[in-house]
Protein backbone atom coordinates (compact mmCIF):
# COMPACT_ATOMS: atom_id res chain seq x y z
CA MET A 1 48.90 24.04 -158.90
CA THR A 2 49.32 21.40 -156.29
CA GLY A 3 49.87 22.40 -152.68
CA PRO A 4 50.79 20.37 -149.64
CA GLN A 5 48.62 17.32 -149.13
CA VAL A 6 46.27 17.44 -146.14
CA ASN A 7 44.94 14.36 -144.38
CA ASP A 8 41.17 14.55 -144.22
CA LYS A 9 40.80 11.64 -141.74
CA PRO A 10 39.65 12.73 -138.29
CA GLY A 11 42.28 12.15 -135.62
CA GLY A 12 44.97 11.32 -138.14
CA ASP A 13 47.93 13.65 -138.32
CA LYS A 14 50.02 11.56 -140.72
CA PRO A 15 49.00 10.83 -144.27
CA ASP A 16 50.11 7.19 -143.90
CA ASP A 17 47.82 6.26 -140.97
CA LYS A 18 46.67 2.71 -141.53
CA PRO A 19 43.49 1.22 -140.08
CA ALA A 20 43.96 -1.45 -137.44
CA ARG A 21 44.22 -4.89 -138.97
CA HIS A 22 43.02 -8.15 -137.57
CA ILE A 23 45.84 -10.64 -137.11
CA TYR A 24 45.04 -13.99 -138.62
CA GLY A 25 46.95 -17.13 -137.78
CA PRO A 26 48.70 -18.26 -134.61
CA ARG A 27 49.31 -15.75 -131.86
CA PRO A 28 51.34 -16.12 -128.67
CA VAL A 29 49.23 -17.04 -125.63
CA GLY A 30 50.77 -14.13 -123.73
CA ALA A 31 49.09 -11.73 -126.14
CA LEU A 32 45.66 -13.11 -125.20
CA VAL A 33 46.07 -13.09 -121.42
CA PRO A 34 45.49 -9.35 -120.76
CA ALA A 35 42.12 -9.37 -122.51
CA LEU A 36 41.06 -12.51 -120.65
CA VAL A 37 41.99 -11.41 -117.12
CA ARG A 38 40.99 -7.74 -117.37
CA PRO A 39 37.37 -8.36 -116.19
CA ALA A 40 38.55 -10.42 -113.22
CA PHE A 41 41.15 -7.83 -112.19
CA ARG A 42 38.54 -5.08 -112.32
CA ARG A 43 36.73 -6.87 -109.51
CA ARG A 44 39.77 -7.98 -107.53
CA ALA A 45 43.46 -7.10 -107.84
CA PRO A 46 45.90 -9.97 -108.41
CA ALA A 47 47.52 -9.48 -104.99
CA THR A 48 44.12 -9.63 -103.29
CA ALA A 49 43.20 -12.78 -105.17
CA GLN A 50 46.48 -14.41 -104.16
CA VAL A 51 46.06 -13.46 -100.49
CA LEU A 52 42.49 -14.83 -100.50
CA ALA A 53 43.54 -18.06 -102.17
CA ASP A 54 46.60 -18.69 -99.99
CA TRP A 55 45.32 -17.28 -96.67
CA GLU A 56 45.63 -20.55 -94.74
CA LEU A 57 49.10 -21.13 -96.13
CA ILE A 58 50.18 -17.59 -95.19
CA VAL A 59 48.84 -17.36 -91.63
CA GLY A 60 48.55 -21.01 -90.68
CA PRO A 61 45.48 -23.14 -89.96
CA ALA A 62 44.87 -21.77 -86.45
CA LEU A 63 44.57 -18.12 -87.55
CA ALA A 64 42.85 -19.01 -90.82
CA ALA A 65 40.07 -20.71 -88.82
CA VAL A 66 39.20 -17.46 -87.00
CA THR A 67 40.07 -14.81 -89.62
CA THR A 68 39.12 -14.02 -93.21
CA PRO A 69 40.86 -11.57 -95.53
CA ARG A 70 38.26 -9.22 -96.98
CA LYS A 71 39.91 -6.57 -99.16
CA LEU A 72 43.36 -5.24 -100.08
CA PHE A 73 43.22 -1.61 -101.13
CA SER A 74 46.02 0.98 -101.23
CA GLY A 75 48.27 -1.12 -99.02
CA THR A 76 45.61 -1.73 -96.35
CA LEU A 77 44.44 -5.30 -95.82
CA ALA A 78 41.02 -5.59 -94.19
CA ILE A 79 40.69 -8.75 -92.10
CA GLY A 80 37.38 -10.02 -90.74
CA CYS A 81 37.64 -11.52 -87.25
CA ALA A 82 35.95 -11.65 -83.85
CA GLY A 83 36.76 -8.97 -81.26
CA PRO A 84 39.23 -10.91 -79.07
CA VAL A 85 41.12 -12.15 -82.12
CA ALA A 86 41.48 -8.58 -83.40
CA MET A 87 43.25 -7.59 -80.18
CA GLU A 88 45.66 -10.49 -80.55
CA LEU A 89 46.29 -9.69 -84.22
CA GLN A 90 47.07 -6.06 -83.42
CA HIS A 91 50.00 -7.27 -81.34
CA MET A 92 51.10 -9.58 -84.18
CA ALA A 93 50.64 -6.96 -86.94
CA GLU A 94 54.30 -6.50 -87.92
CA PRO A 95 55.19 -10.21 -88.26
CA LEU A 96 51.85 -10.88 -89.97
CA MET A 97 52.46 -8.16 -92.57
CA ALA A 98 55.99 -9.51 -93.09
CA ARG A 99 54.59 -13.01 -93.74
CA ILE A 100 52.00 -11.69 -96.19
CA ASN A 101 54.50 -9.51 -98.06
CA GLY A 102 57.05 -12.33 -98.08
CA HIS A 103 54.47 -14.65 -99.61
CA LEU A 104 53.57 -12.09 -102.28
CA GLY A 105 57.22 -11.32 -103.02
CA ARG A 106 56.77 -7.57 -102.67
CA VAL A 107 55.53 -4.99 -100.18
CA ALA A 108 51.80 -4.98 -100.87
CA VAL A 109 50.47 -4.66 -97.29
CA THR A 110 51.56 -1.68 -95.19
CA ARG A 111 48.64 -1.57 -92.75
CA LEU A 112 46.08 -3.96 -91.30
CA ARG A 113 42.48 -3.03 -90.59
CA PHE A 114 40.29 -5.32 -88.53
CA ILE A 115 36.59 -5.70 -89.21
CA GLN A 116 34.45 -7.15 -86.45
CA ASP A 117 32.94 -10.22 -87.98
CA VAL A 118 31.39 -13.29 -86.44
CA PRO A 119 32.62 -16.42 -88.23
CA PRO A 120 29.91 -18.75 -89.45
CA PRO A 121 29.23 -21.70 -87.13
CA LEU A 122 30.82 -24.98 -88.11
CA PRO A 123 28.40 -27.54 -89.46
CA ALA A 124 27.56 -30.35 -87.06
CA ALA A 125 29.35 -33.59 -87.80
CA PRO A 126 27.05 -36.43 -88.79
CA PRO A 127 26.78 -39.24 -86.26
CA PRO A 128 29.23 -42.13 -86.68
CA ARG A 129 28.09 -45.22 -88.50
CA PRO A 130 26.59 -47.85 -86.17
CA GLN A 131 28.97 -50.51 -87.55
CA ALA A 132 32.01 -48.41 -86.58
CA THR A 133 30.62 -47.71 -83.10
CA GLU A 134 29.95 -51.40 -82.57
CA ALA A 135 33.40 -52.41 -83.87
CA ALA A 136 35.08 -49.93 -81.49
CA ARG A 137 33.02 -51.25 -78.55
CA ARG A 138 33.92 -54.88 -79.39
CA ALA A 139 37.61 -54.01 -79.68
CA VAL A 140 37.79 -52.80 -76.06
CA GLU A 141 35.25 -55.11 -74.37
CA SER A 142 38.01 -57.26 -72.84
CA LEU A 143 39.39 -54.25 -70.94
CA PRO A 144 38.17 -53.42 -67.42
CA GLU A 145 35.54 -50.69 -67.03
CA GLY A 146 36.94 -47.18 -66.53
CA LYS A 147 38.28 -44.04 -68.13
CA LEU A 148 40.96 -45.85 -70.14
CA ARG A 149 38.42 -48.16 -71.77
CA ASP A 150 36.10 -45.22 -72.58
CA ALA A 151 39.00 -43.23 -74.07
CA LEU A 152 40.16 -46.16 -76.21
CA GLU A 153 36.62 -46.79 -77.42
CA SER A 154 36.27 -43.14 -78.39
CA LEU A 155 39.63 -43.29 -80.17
CA GLY A 156 38.50 -46.40 -82.02
CA ARG A 157 35.32 -44.64 -83.22
CA VAL A 158 37.38 -41.72 -84.53
CA VAL A 159 39.84 -44.01 -86.30
CA LEU A 160 37.12 -46.18 -87.84
CA THR A 161 34.85 -43.34 -88.96
CA GLY A 162 37.34 -40.55 -89.55
CA ARG A 163 35.35 -38.13 -87.38
CA PRO A 164 34.72 -37.72 -83.63
CA ALA A 165 31.53 -39.03 -82.09
């Protein structure tokens, strides 16, 4: 006598459970992306990565020079900055959050948290090339001595070397 068939496979409740098959041949690139980016997104969320990458574009070069986004977690963006800058940013919090959220295309930042952080010192510029300094001096030697001549010579050094002396 034959009774109802029972599936003896663990975890299988249907008799027609099939083992997972490997797909051979071409696959859409979109199917591969989740497996590739999963390790990166474990370390940093996509919104955080975008804010870090586009920080200067979002806040402008002046604020980007004195601030650094640190972490975006549960709607709170932690920003590293010096003490006086934090006070200024507290007054600009609403427009700053609007700019960040506008850049991201969704409301990702609902609160700002400021972390006291001393920015690293800027590296010293190398001295200008002697040829550029000499060329700038020769260009203004026909002018009378004074502040104008000194300013034009300094301008010439910057133009010829691409960096201030």
